[in-house]
């Protein structure tokens, strides 16, 4: 079965290598690395770093960058790319001093992880220098690029917040105004910061590539940039210290792997929401997908209710596994999957978050009366498969409107602390040295034919929902990659948001309006509170996919037109 592309974009296919990224210039940057002889890791790091420049409202060069890598020999690993709370953070500070709220500003900052993640990936699995992969990002920052619709919309939506800090306004409101479409967007300070890291690498180049990468790392975490970051954060009342910076290394974490219909589903661990993608898939499979028409009321109902069960377990159990006992093996066990499926009524939507099955649930926030959920438009994504069969999947993130730019550097230190709950008793509660429970979650499928499919998306709590729908479109409904990406989507809000203020909309189901009114009426009759989205909206995510298909000998790639994403293959 195939759907028709709503935009007329084709699936891009080639025999050698393919990349799909959240901005077209990032895809071009990664593709240039592949053409120059670099592998998937080199190309993915180049595109990922470029996304921090090209989508500075959604991704920070000093933010988070979770990475999933599968080598051609079948070995897999994840680089968490996620910083932890500074050691001096009082665990009760937000309850005691901020009324249980997570305020904007430096106090929600965690240790910046992305530079370390890219450099660790290069050191462990790449072939190029930091200077090689940073060249495009530096060029885009120094020379600028054209302001595009989503960037303008995002800045306009948060104009007041950007004005909170003069250094933010200087970058994002040039001349004191929201940039117009097509206006050149320049980040000169950010170009200098990245160039400083490259210069330090070059100074150590005589000692070899590894020493050069180490020097670039130290330039950020121990050198002038680290001193500027720490000095400003502490002056503003934050907790980040020089020791937090100097000692930081992203954890190399186990990959979560489960079988489904002969395919192997790979996600990162429960420090992010990745395993909930697998759990939702297994619950839906248990309920029965065969024989259901694509995006029929019955199909959508099963997908949404399966997601509710998986996201309930995310709420009740997920957190930093280095500090929280997450019963992941039980959550993904056949018995628990069967219990979650048995609790679903195929004739009636659950009105809110399903009850816990393992242990006791934490207290839920009150249902929100807001007309629309508060949406933090952050995150981007890059997928790469190279000519040797290596695969790379990364979801860099962190916005720039609720935390200050470090003056003179162009850097926005990760404000990802917003994804910890202010109450330290919550599984994802604040604690010194603890990592937030991250929404960005790169994923892969090793197909039953022996191919590999890295895929992912931005979208906060919509991420695994969009990923599940696209994955099933490809692997269950046999759609072409681009058609699978463009097919209309739905998203549930029947769980507390991962972002402050942790809003809760029991029963809420957003539906892209290309799904017929008759289907929406049937979903309403099943008890869903249906809220129409436009025909195609960035709120539904921006799924990028590369599918290495050994049967055809082609690498197929697609990119989501809901955001400025593009795919390239040759």
Protein backbone atom coordinates (compact mmCIF):
# COMPACT_ATOMS: atom_id res chain seq x y z
CA UNK A 1 0.00 0.00 0.00
CA UNK A 2 1.21 3.54 -0.68
CA UNK A 3 -0.13 6.98 0.15
CA UNK A 4 0.24 10.00 -2.07
CA UNK A 5 2.73 12.68 -1.11
CA UNK A 6 0.84 15.82 -0.15
CA UNK A 7 3.68 18.03 -1.41
CA UNK A 8 4.83 16.12 -4.46
CA UNK A 9 8.23 15.43 -2.90
CA UNK A 10 9.70 12.07 -3.94
CA UNK A 11 11.53 9.56 -1.79
CA UNK A 12 15.22 10.26 -2.46
CA UNK A 13 17.27 7.16 -3.29
CA UNK A 14 20.92 6.38 -4.01
CA UNK A 15 23.33 3.48 -3.98
CA UNK A 16 26.15 5.02 -1.94
CA UNK A 17 25.05 7.14 1.02
CA UNK A 18 22.08 9.14 2.28
CA UNK A 19 21.33 11.81 4.85
CA UNK A 20 18.16 13.49 6.10
CA UNK A 21 18.30 16.47 8.45
CA UNK A 22 16.02 19.07 9.98
CA UNK A 23 17.36 21.91 7.82
CA UNK A 24 18.38 21.72 4.18
CA UNK A 25 21.77 23.38 4.73
CA UNK A 26 22.57 20.90 7.51
CA UNK A 27 21.78 18.04 5.14
CA UNK A 28 24.09 19.65 2.57
CA UNK A 29 26.86 20.02 5.17
CA UNK A 30 26.66 16.36 6.13
CA UNK A 31 26.44 15.26 2.50
CA UNK A 32 29.62 17.20 1.68
CA UNK A 33 31.42 15.25 4.41
CA UNK A 34 30.17 11.94 2.95
CA UNK A 35 31.33 12.96 -0.52
CA UNK A 36 34.74 13.91 0.93
CA UNK A 37 35.19 10.36 2.24
CA UNK A 38 33.85 10.76 5.76
CA UNK A 39 31.69 8.12 7.37
CA UNK A 40 28.18 8.39 8.84
CA UNK A 41 29.50 9.59 12.20
CA UNK A 42 31.58 12.35 10.64
CA UNK A 43 28.62 13.45 8.50
CA UNK A 44 26.10 13.21 11.34
CA UNK A 45 28.28 15.31 13.64
CA UNK A 46 28.76 17.95 10.93
CA UNK A 47 25.02 18.16 10.27
CA UNK A 48 24.16 18.05 13.98
CA UNK A 49 26.54 20.88 14.85
CA UNK A 50 25.23 22.89 11.89
CA UNK A 51 21.66 22.48 13.17
CA UNK A 52 22.70 24.40 16.29
CA UNK A 53 23.53 27.34 14.04
CA UNK A 54 20.77 27.00 11.45
CA UNK A 55 17.96 26.37 13.97
CA UNK A 56 19.18 28.45 16.93
CA UNK A 57 15.63 28.81 18.27
CA UNK A 58 15.33 25.01 18.52
CA UNK A 59 18.87 23.68 18.95
CA UNK A 60 21.83 24.96 20.95
CA UNK A 61 25.48 24.32 20.15
CA UNK A 62 25.84 24.12 23.97
CA UNK A 63 22.66 22.09 24.47
CA UNK A 64 21.92 18.36 24.38
CA UNK A 65 22.77 15.87 21.61
CA UNK A 66 21.69 12.27 22.24
CA UNK A 67 23.30 9.99 19.65
CA UNK A 68 22.62 6.41 18.56
CA UNK A 69 25.27 4.68 16.41
CA UNK A 70 25.22 1.31 14.68
CA UNK A 71 28.47 0.23 13.08
CA UNK A 72 28.60 -1.82 9.89
CA UNK A 73 29.69 -4.83 11.97
CA UNK A 74 26.41 -4.69 13.93
CA UNK A 75 27.72 -3.17 17.17
CA UNK A 76 25.53 -0.46 18.63
CA UNK A 77 25.91 2.19 21.31
CA UNK A 78 24.30 5.36 22.50
CA UNK A 79 26.09 8.50 23.62
CA UNK A 80 23.69 10.16 26.01
CA UNK A 81 24.71 13.73 25.13
CA UNK A 82 22.73 14.95 28.13
CA UNK A 83 24.08 17.09 30.94
CA UNK A 84 23.33 16.73 34.64
CA UNK A 85 22.41 19.21 37.33
CA UNK A 86 25.41 21.04 38.83
CA UNK A 87 26.74 19.46 41.99
CA UNK A 88 25.87 22.56 44.05
CA UNK A 89 22.17 22.46 43.10
CA UNK A 90 20.01 22.25 46.26
CA UNK A 91 17.46 19.50 45.47
CA UNK A 92 14.62 21.48 47.06
CA UNK A 93 15.55 24.87 45.61
CA UNK A 94 12.57 25.11 43.27
CA UNK A 95 10.08 24.01 45.92
CA UNK A 96 11.60 26.29 48.55
CA UNK A 97 12.50 29.42 46.58
CA UNK A 98 10.32 29.32 43.45
CA UNK A 99 6.93 28.05 44.66
CA UNK A 100 7.30 24.67 42.99
CA UNK A 101 7.92 26.30 39.59
CA UNK A 102 10.85 26.02 37.18
CA UNK A 103 11.77 29.65 36.46
CA UNK A 104 13.34 30.82 33.20
CA UNK A 105 16.98 31.76 33.37
CA UNK A 106 20.24 30.28 34.60
CA UNK A 107 18.77 28.16 37.38
CA UNK A 108 17.28 25.70 34.89
CA UNK A 109 20.68 25.21 33.25
CA UNK A 110 22.39 21.83 33.35
CA UNK A 111 25.94 21.06 32.22
CA UNK A 112 26.13 21.60 28.44
CA UNK A 113 26.58 18.21 26.79
CA UNK A 114 26.43 18.62 22.99
CA UNK A 115 30.08 19.61 22.33
CA UNK A 116 31.27 16.62 24.33
CA UNK A 117 28.82 14.28 22.56
CA UNK A 118 29.93 15.29 19.05
CA UNK A 119 33.61 15.07 20.00
CA UNK A 120 33.18 11.71 21.76
CA UNK A 121 31.38 10.33 18.70
CA UNK A 122 34.22 11.54 16.45
CA UNK A 123 36.89 10.13 18.76
CA UNK A 124 35.22 6.75 19.13
CA UNK A 125 33.87 6.15 15.63
CA UNK A 126 34.72 9.00 13.25
CA UNK A 127 37.66 9.64 10.95
CA UNK A 128 37.82 13.44 10.72
CA UNK A 129 38.87 16.34 12.92
CA UNK A 130 36.61 18.71 14.79
CA UNK A 131 37.72 21.42 12.40
CA UNK A 132 36.56 19.32 9.45
CA UNK A 133 33.07 18.81 10.83
CA UNK A 134 32.73 22.33 12.29
CA UNK A 135 33.64 24.15 9.08
CA UNK A 136 30.08 24.39 7.75
CA UNK A 137 28.64 25.47 11.12
CA UNK A 138 31.26 28.22 11.41
CA UNK A 139 30.52 29.38 7.87
CA UNK A 140 26.76 29.51 8.48
CA UNK A 141 27.29 31.44 11.73
CA UNK A 142 29.81 33.92 10.34
CA UNK A 143 28.36 34.50 6.86
CA UNK A 144 24.72 33.98 7.81
CA UNK A 145 21.82 32.24 6.14
CA UNK A 146 18.33 33.24 5.02
CA UNK A 147 15.66 33.53 7.70
CA UNK A 148 12.96 30.95 6.92
CA UNK A 149 9.29 30.78 7.99
CA UNK A 150 9.61 28.54 11.07
CA UNK A 151 12.53 30.55 12.47
CA UNK A 152 10.62 33.79 12.03
CA UNK A 153 7.44 32.29 13.54
CA UNK A 154 9.34 30.95 16.55
CA UNK A 155 11.13 34.23 17.25
CA UNK A 156 7.89 36.22 16.83
CA UNK A 157 6.07 33.91 19.25
CA UNK A 158 8.74 34.51 21.91
CA UNK A 159 9.68 38.11 21.13
CA UNK A 160 8.96 39.24 24.69
CA UNK A 161 11.13 36.49 26.18
CA UNK A 162 14.01 37.27 23.81
CA UNK A 163 13.85 40.89 25.00
CA UNK A 164 14.37 39.72 28.60
CA UNK A 165 18.12 39.55 28.01
CA UNK A 166 19.82 42.22 25.84
CA UNK A 167 22.35 39.72 24.49
CA UNK A 168 19.53 37.44 23.29
CA UNK A 169 17.70 40.34 21.69
CA UNK A 170 20.88 41.45 19.90
CA UNK A 171 21.07 38.10 18.10
CA UNK A 172 17.44 37.14 17.62
CA UNK A 173 15.94 40.62 17.17
CA UNK A 174 18.54 42.32 14.95
CA UNK A 175 17.92 46.02 14.80
CA UNK A 176 15.35 45.55 17.55
CA UNK A 177 12.89 43.71 15.28
CA UNK A 178 11.76 40.18 14.48
CA UNK A 179 13.72 39.24 11.34
CA UNK A 180 11.80 39.18 8.08
CA UNK A 181 11.71 36.23 5.71
CA UNK A 182 14.83 36.05 3.60
CA UNK A 183 16.82 38.38 5.88
CA UNK A 184 20.39 37.23 6.49
CA UNK A 185 20.71 35.83 10.02
CA UNK A 186 24.25 36.15 11.41
CA UNK A 187 25.75 34.84 14.69
CA UNK A 188 29.24 36.31 14.77
CA UNK A 189 29.99 35.52 18.43
CA UNK A 190 29.01 31.88 17.94
CA UNK A 191 31.32 31.66 14.90
CA UNK A 192 34.20 32.97 17.05
CA UNK A 193 33.47 30.46 19.83
CA UNK A 194 33.53 27.50 17.44
CA UNK A 195 36.62 28.89 15.71
CA UNK A 196 38.38 29.09 19.09
CA UNK A 197 37.75 25.36 19.59
CA UNK A 198 39.16 24.65 16.12
CA UNK A 199 42.20 26.83 16.76
CA UNK A 200 42.98 24.93 19.96
CA UNK A 201 42.65 21.66 18.03
CA UNK A 202 45.08 22.91 15.37
CA UNK A 203 47.60 23.92 18.03
CA UNK A 204 47.66 20.30 19.25
CA UNK A 205 47.53 18.72 15.79
CA UNK A 206 51.19 17.73 15.84
CA UNK A 207 50.37 15.20 18.55
CA UNK A 208 47.79 13.41 16.41
CA UNK A 209 44.06 13.49 15.71
CA UNK A 210 43.04 12.23 19.16
CA UNK A 211 45.08 14.92 20.91
CA UNK A 212 43.52 17.54 18.66
CA UNK A 213 39.99 16.41 19.53
CA UNK A 214 40.94 16.46 23.22
CA UNK A 215 42.20 20.03 22.84
CA UNK A 216 38.96 21.14 21.16
CA UNK A 217 37.05 19.54 24.03
CA UNK A 218 39.18 21.29 26.64
CA UNK A 219 38.72 24.62 24.86
CA UNK A 220 35.02 24.39 25.64
CA UNK A 221 35.04 22.62 29.02
CA UNK A 222 38.25 23.97 30.60
CA UNK A 223 39.39 26.95 28.54
CA UNK A 224 38.22 30.49 27.94
CA UNK A 225 34.69 29.44 26.97
CA UNK A 226 34.24 27.47 30.19
CA UNK A 227 35.45 30.44 32.25
CA UNK A 228 33.05 32.83 30.51
CA UNK A 229 30.15 30.44 30.97
CA UNK A 230 30.76 29.78 34.66
CA UNK A 231 31.46 33.42 35.49
CA UNK A 232 28.19 34.59 33.97
CA UNK A 233 26.00 31.76 35.33
CA UNK A 234 27.26 32.22 38.87
CA UNK A 235 26.89 36.00 38.68
CA UNK A 236 23.24 35.47 37.72
CA UNK A 237 22.56 33.12 40.65
CA UNK A 238 23.06 29.79 38.92
CA UNK A 239 24.89 26.74 40.27
CA UNK A 240 27.22 25.66 37.43
CA UNK A 241 30.89 25.46 38.49
CA UNK A 242 34.25 25.08 36.77
CA UNK A 243 34.48 21.57 38.22
CA UNK A 244 31.08 20.62 36.75
CA UNK A 245 32.39 21.67 33.35
CA UNK A 246 35.88 20.20 33.56
CA UNK A 247 34.72 16.80 34.80
CA UNK A 248 31.86 16.34 32.34
CA UNK A 249 31.69 13.36 29.99
CA UNK A 250 28.54 12.08 28.32
CA UNK A 251 27.67 8.58 29.45
CA UNK A 252 28.04 5.74 26.97
CA UNK A 253 24.75 3.98 27.64
CA UNK A 254 23.32 0.56 26.75
CA UNK A 255 20.94 0.49 23.80
CA UNK A 256 17.44 -0.88 24.43
CA UNK A 257 16.65 -3.58 21.87
CA UNK A 258 13.41 -5.51 21.25
CA UNK A 259 12.15 -7.69 18.41
CA UNK A 260 8.97 -6.95 16.48
CA UNK A 261 7.88 -8.99 13.45
CA UNK A 262 11.47 -9.94 12.67
CA UNK A 263 12.71 -6.37 12.95
CA UNK A 264 14.92 -5.13 15.80
CA UNK A 265 13.82 -1.85 17.37
CA UNK A 266 16.70 0.15 18.91
CA UNK A 267 16.24 3.10 21.26
CA UNK A 268 18.22 4.87 23.95
CA UNK A 269 17.54 4.10 27.61
CA UNK A 270 14.95 5.51 30.07
CA UNK A 271 16.98 8.66 30.68
CA UNK A 272 14.97 9.70 27.62
CA UNK A 273 11.50 8.70 26.46
CA UNK A 274 12.85 6.29 23.81
CA UNK A 275 11.75 2.99 25.43
CA UNK A 276 8.14 4.26 25.49
CA UNK A 277 8.21 4.08 21.67
CA UNK A 278 8.92 0.36 21.85
CA UNK A 279 6.38 -0.20 24.61
CA UNK A 280 3.62 1.56 22.63
CA UNK A 281 4.46 -0.51 19.54
CA UNK A 282 4.28 -3.76 21.49
CA UNK A 283 0.97 -2.80 23.15
CA UNK A 284 -0.55 -1.91 19.77
CA UNK A 285 0.70 -5.19 18.32
CA UNK A 286 -0.87 -7.08 21.22
CA UNK A 287 -4.20 -5.34 20.57
CA UNK A 288 -4.03 -6.26 16.89
CA UNK A 289 -3.08 -4.14 13.87
CA UNK A 290 -3.67 -6.56 11.01
CA UNK A 291 -6.76 -5.90 8.95
CA UNK A 292 -7.21 -2.32 10.11
CA UNK A 293 -7.28 0.38 7.44
CA UNK A 294 -4.64 3.09 7.66
CA UNK A 295 -5.85 6.03 9.80
CA UNK A 296 -9.27 4.45 10.27
CA UNK A 297 -10.98 5.32 13.57
CA UNK A 298 -10.25 1.81 14.89
CA UNK A 299 -6.56 2.04 13.97
CA UNK A 300 -6.08 5.53 15.41
CA UNK A 301 -7.89 4.52 18.61
CA UNK A 302 -5.54 1.55 19.15
CA UNK A 303 -2.44 3.66 18.47
CA UNK A 304 -3.56 6.45 20.81
CA UNK A 305 -4.58 4.15 23.65
CA UNK A 306 -1.31 2.18 23.33
CA UNK A 307 0.59 5.46 23.53
CA UNK A 308 -1.35 6.46 26.64
CA UNK A 309 -0.29 3.25 28.37
CA UNK A 310 3.36 3.65 27.43
CA UNK A 311 3.42 7.33 28.37
CA UNK A 312 1.78 6.51 31.70
CA UNK A 313 4.76 4.26 32.42
CA UNK A 314 7.08 7.05 31.31
CA UNK A 315 5.39 9.35 33.84
CA UNK A 316 5.40 6.84 36.69
CA UNK A 317 8.85 5.30 36.22
CA UNK A 318 11.28 6.94 33.78
CA UNK A 319 14.23 8.97 35.08
CA UNK A 320 18.00 8.96 35.13
CA UNK A 321 18.82 5.23 35.56
CA UNK A 322 22.10 6.20 37.22
CA UNK A 323 20.03 7.57 40.12
CA UNK A 324 16.54 6.03 39.76
CA UNK A 325 15.57 2.37 39.70
CA UNK A 326 13.65 2.14 36.40
CA UNK A 327 11.98 -1.31 36.03
CA UNK A 328 12.59 -1.35 32.28
CA UNK A 329 12.76 -5.11 31.84
CA UNK A 330 9.38 -5.45 33.55
CA UNK A 331 7.85 -2.59 31.56
CA UNK A 332 8.84 -4.24 28.27
CA UNK A 333 8.07 -7.79 29.40
CA UNK A 334 5.32 -9.79 27.65
CA UNK A 335 3.34 -9.91 30.89
CA UNK A 336 3.30 -6.16 31.39
CA UNK A 337 2.56 -5.51 27.71
CA UNK A 338 -0.38 -7.92 27.98
CA UNK A 339 -1.62 -6.19 31.14
CA UNK A 340 -1.43 -2.75 29.53
CA UNK A 341 -3.28 -4.05 26.45
CA UNK A 342 -5.95 -5.74 28.59
CA UNK A 343 -6.66 -2.43 30.35
CA UNK A 344 -7.57 -0.78 27.04
CA UNK A 345 -11.22 -0.59 25.98
CA UNK A 346 -11.50 -0.88 22.19
CA UNK A 347 -14.90 0.82 22.37
CA UNK A 348 -14.05 3.74 24.63
CA UNK A 349 -11.09 6.08 25.11
CA UNK A 350 -9.49 6.25 28.53
CA UNK A 351 -10.37 9.72 29.88
CA UNK A 352 -6.84 10.56 31.04
CA UNK A 353 -3.60 8.92 32.09
CA UNK A 354 -4.00 5.16 32.70
CA UNK A 355 -3.33 3.93 36.22
CA UNK A 356 0.01 2.41 37.23
CA UNK A 357 0.34 -1.36 36.97
CA UNK A 358 3.79 -1.64 38.56
CA UNK A 359 4.16 0.06 41.93
CA UNK A 360 2.40 3.27 42.87
CA UNK A 361 1.98 6.34 40.71
CA UNK A 362 3.11 9.80 41.64
CA UNK A 363 0.56 12.59 42.00
CA UNK A 364 -0.63 14.04 38.69
CA UNK A 365 -1.01 17.77 38.05
CA UNK A 366 -4.50 19.16 37.79
CA UNK A 367 -6.11 19.06 34.36
CA UNK A 368 -5.37 22.25 32.45
CA UNK A 369 -8.18 24.55 31.37
CA UNK A 370 -6.01 26.24 28.75
CA UNK A 371 -7.40 26.30 25.23
CA UNK A 372 -4.08 25.14 23.80
CA UNK A 373 -1.12 23.29 25.32
CA UNK A 374 2.00 25.34 25.91
CA UNK A 375 4.37 24.14 23.19
CA UNK A 376 8.14 24.52 23.40
CA UNK A 377 9.29 24.37 19.79
CA UNK A 378 12.69 22.88 20.21
CA UNK A 379 14.84 20.04 18.85
CA UNK A 380 15.93 18.89 15.42
CA UNK A 381 17.15 15.62 13.96
CA UNK A 382 19.68 13.99 11.60
CA UNK A 383 19.87 10.46 10.14
CA UNK A 384 22.76 9.12 8.06
CA UNK A 385 23.73 5.81 6.45
CA UNK A 386 27.10 5.66 4.69
CA UNK A 387 28.52 3.50 1.89
CA UNK A 388 29.97 1.03 4.40
CA UNK A 389 26.67 0.47 6.21
CA UNK A 390 27.36 2.55 9.32
CA UNK A 391 24.24 4.32 10.64
CA UNK A 392 23.90 7.47 12.74
CA UNK A 393 20.85 8.90 14.49
CA UNK A 394 20.91 12.07 16.61
CA UNK A 395 18.38 14.50 18.08
CA UNK A 396 20.18 17.72 19.11
CA UNK A 397 18.10 20.21 21.04
CA UNK A 398 17.62 23.14 23.43
CA UNK A 399 15.93 26.43 22.68
CA UNK A 400 17.14 29.96 23.27
CA UNK A 401 14.19 32.02 24.50
CA UNK A 402 13.93 30.94 28.15
CA UNK A 403 17.61 31.03 29.09
CA UNK A 404 20.20 33.77 28.48
CA UNK A 405 22.94 33.71 25.88
CA UNK A 406 26.36 33.80 27.55
CA UNK A 407 27.47 37.34 26.60
CA UNK A 408 30.22 37.51 24.00
CA UNK A 409 30.06 33.82 23.10
CA UNK A 410 26.78 33.30 21.23
CA UNK A 411 26.33 30.15 23.34
CA UNK A 412 23.08 29.15 25.04
CA UNK A 413 23.83 26.71 27.86
CA UNK A 414 21.35 23.84 28.07
CA UNK A 415 18.13 24.84 29.83
CA UNK A 416 17.04 21.20 29.77
CA UNK A 417 16.47 21.31 33.53
CA UNK A 418 12.91 22.27 32.56
CA UNK A 419 12.32 18.53 31.99
CA UNK A 420 12.98 17.70 35.62
CA UNK A 421 10.11 18.13 38.04
CA UNK A 422 10.73 20.69 40.78
CA UNK A 423 9.65 18.11 43.37
CA UNK A 424 12.70 15.90 44.05
CA UNK A 425 10.45 12.97 45.05
CA UNK A 426 9.27 12.50 41.44
CA UNK A 427 11.23 9.87 39.42
CA UNK A 428 12.26 12.74 37.16
CA UNK A 429 12.70 15.15 40.07
CA UNK A 430 15.62 17.54 40.55
CA UNK A 431 18.79 16.30 42.25
CA UNK A 432 22.44 17.37 42.06
CA UNK A 433 24.29 15.25 39.50
CA UNK A 434 21.03 13.91 38.06
CA UNK A 435 20.09 14.13 34.39
CA UNK A 436 16.68 15.39 33.25
CA UNK A 437 14.30 12.91 31.64
CA UNK A 438 14.87 13.89 28.03
CA UNK A 439 12.23 14.03 25.29
CA UNK A 440 14.71 13.89 22.36
CA UNK A 441 15.21 10.21 21.50
CA UNK A 442 17.01 9.05 18.36
CA UNK A 443 15.97 5.58 17.19
CA UNK A 444 16.78 2.90 14.62
CA UNK A 445 15.30 -0.25 13.18
CA UNK A 446 17.42 -3.14 11.96
CA UNK A 447 15.05 -4.60 9.41
CA UNK A 448 14.31 -8.30 8.95
CA UNK A 449 16.06 -8.04 5.56
CA UNK A 450 19.29 -6.95 7.25
CA UNK A 451 19.02 -3.26 6.48
CA UNK A 452 19.04 -0.38 8.95
CA UNK A 453 16.68 2.58 9.34
CA UNK A 454 17.73 5.53 11.54
CA UNK A 455 14.78 7.82 12.23
CA UNK A 456 13.62 10.49 14.63
CA UNK A 457 11.91 13.85 15.01
CA UNK A 458 11.58 17.01 17.06
CA UNK A 459 8.27 17.68 18.80
CA UNK A 460 8.64 17.18 22.57
CA UNK A 461 5.94 14.80 23.79
CA UNK A 462 4.78 14.33 20.19
CA UNK A 463 8.10 12.74 19.23
CA UNK A 464 7.44 9.07 19.91
CA UNK A 465 3.85 9.50 18.69
CA UNK A 466 5.00 10.76 15.28
CA UNK A 467 7.81 8.20 15.15
CA UNK A 468 5.43 5.32 15.88
CA UNK A 469 3.03 6.38 13.14
CA UNK A 470 5.75 6.80 10.51
CA UNK A 471 7.47 3.54 11.46
CA UNK A 472 4.18 1.64 11.09
CA UNK A 473 3.47 3.44 7.82
CA UNK A 474 6.73 2.05 6.42
CA UNK A 475 6.99 -1.38 8.04
CA UNK A 476 3.30 -2.31 8.45
CA UNK A 477 1.53 -0.46 5.64
CA UNK A 478 4.49 -0.73 3.22
CA UNK A 479 4.45 2.94 2.23
CA UNK A 480 7.29 4.64 0.42
CA UNK A 481 9.45 6.57 2.89
CA UNK A 482 8.37 10.08 1.84
CA UNK A 483 4.71 9.11 1.65
CA UNK A 484 4.93 7.57 5.13
CA UNK A 485 6.39 10.81 6.49
CA UNK A 486 3.79 13.07 4.88
CA UNK A 487 0.74 10.97 5.80
CA UNK A 488 -1.54 12.85 8.25
CA UNK A 489 -0.86 12.31 11.95
CA UNK A 490 -2.51 12.55 15.34
CA UNK A 491 -1.13 13.28 18.81
CA UNK A 492 -2.47 12.68 22.30
CA UNK A 493 -2.01 15.09 25.21
CA UNK A 494 -3.50 12.72 27.82
CA UNK A 495 -0.47 12.88 30.10
CA UNK A 496 1.50 15.58 31.93
CA UNK A 497 3.78 17.53 29.63
CA UNK A 498 7.50 16.89 29.92
CA UNK A 499 8.09 20.67 29.96
CA UNK A 500 7.41 23.18 32.70
CA UNK A 501 4.67 23.98 33.70
CA UNK A 502 3.85 20.25 33.08
CA UNK A 503 0.35 20.83 31.74
CA UNK A 504 -2.13 17.94 31.65
CA UNK A 505 -4.94 17.66 29.08
CA UNK A 506 -6.84 14.41 29.80
CA UNK A 507 -8.52 13.02 26.70
CA UNK A 508 -7.13 15.67 24.31
CA UNK A 509 -6.36 14.36 20.80
CA UNK A 510 -5.00 16.66 18.09
CA UNK A 511 -5.69 15.53 14.52
CA UNK A 512 -4.31 16.90 11.26
CA UNK A 513 -7.34 17.98 9.23
CA UNK A 514 -6.47 15.90 6.18
CA UNK A 515 -7.95 13.07 8.25
CA UNK A 516 -11.63 13.16 7.16
CA UNK A 517 -14.32 14.75 9.28
CA UNK A 518 -16.13 11.40 9.41
CA UNK A 519 -13.08 9.82 11.07
CA UNK A 520 -12.80 12.70 13.54
CA UNK A 521 -16.49 12.29 14.39
CA UNK A 522 -16.00 8.57 14.99
CA UNK A 523 -13.06 9.32 17.30
CA UNK A 524 -15.22 11.79 19.21
CA UNK A 525 -17.87 9.10 19.56
CA UNK A 526 -15.20 6.83 21.05
CA UNK A 527 -14.61 9.44 23.77
CA UNK A 528 -11.61 11.34 22.44
CA UNK A 529 -11.63 15.12 22.81
CA UNK A 530 -10.70 15.84 19.20
CA UNK A 531 -9.02 19.15 18.39
CA UNK A 532 -8.28 19.78 14.71
CA UNK A 533 -4.84 20.84 13.60
CA UNK A 534 -4.27 22.41 10.16
CA UNK A 535 -3.86 20.00 7.25
CA UNK A 536 -0.11 19.83 7.89
CA UNK A 537 1.55 21.42 10.94
CA UNK A 538 4.99 21.52 12.53
CA UNK A 539 3.27 20.68 15.82
CA UNK A 540 2.95 17.09 14.49
CA UNK A 541 6.73 16.69 14.44
CA UNK A 542 9.23 16.57 11.59
CA UNK A 543 10.21 12.96 11.02
CA UNK A 544 13.38 12.27 9.06
CA UNK A 545 14.21 8.75 7.84
CA UNK A 546 16.99 6.94 6.00
CA UNK A 547 16.21 3.34 5.03
CA UNK A 548 19.08 1.15 3.84
CA UNK A 549 17.35 -1.57 1.79
CA UNK A 550 19.68 -4.48 0.94
CA UNK A 551 17.02 -6.14 -1.23
CA UNK A 552 16.98 -3.29 -3.75
CA UNK A 553 20.54 -2.18 -3.10
CA UNK A 554 19.29 1.36 -2.47
CA UNK A 555 19.41 3.78 0.40
CA UNK A 556 16.07 5.60 0.54
CA UNK A 557 15.60 8.86 2.40
CA UNK A 558 12.73 11.16 3.21
CA UNK A 559 12.32 14.44 5.07
CA UNK A 560 9.31 16.10 6.64
CA UNK A 561 7.94 19.19 4.86
CA UNK A 562 6.29 20.25 8.13
CA UNK A 563 9.65 21.91 8.90
CA UNK A 564 12.59 22.95 6.64
CA UNK A 565 13.98 19.40 6.51
CA UNK A 566 15.53 17.84 3.42
CA UNK A 567 17.11 14.55 2.36
CA UNK A 568 20.01 13.93 -0.02
CA UNK A 569 21.25 10.62 -1.43
CA UNK A 570 23.55 9.51 -4.19
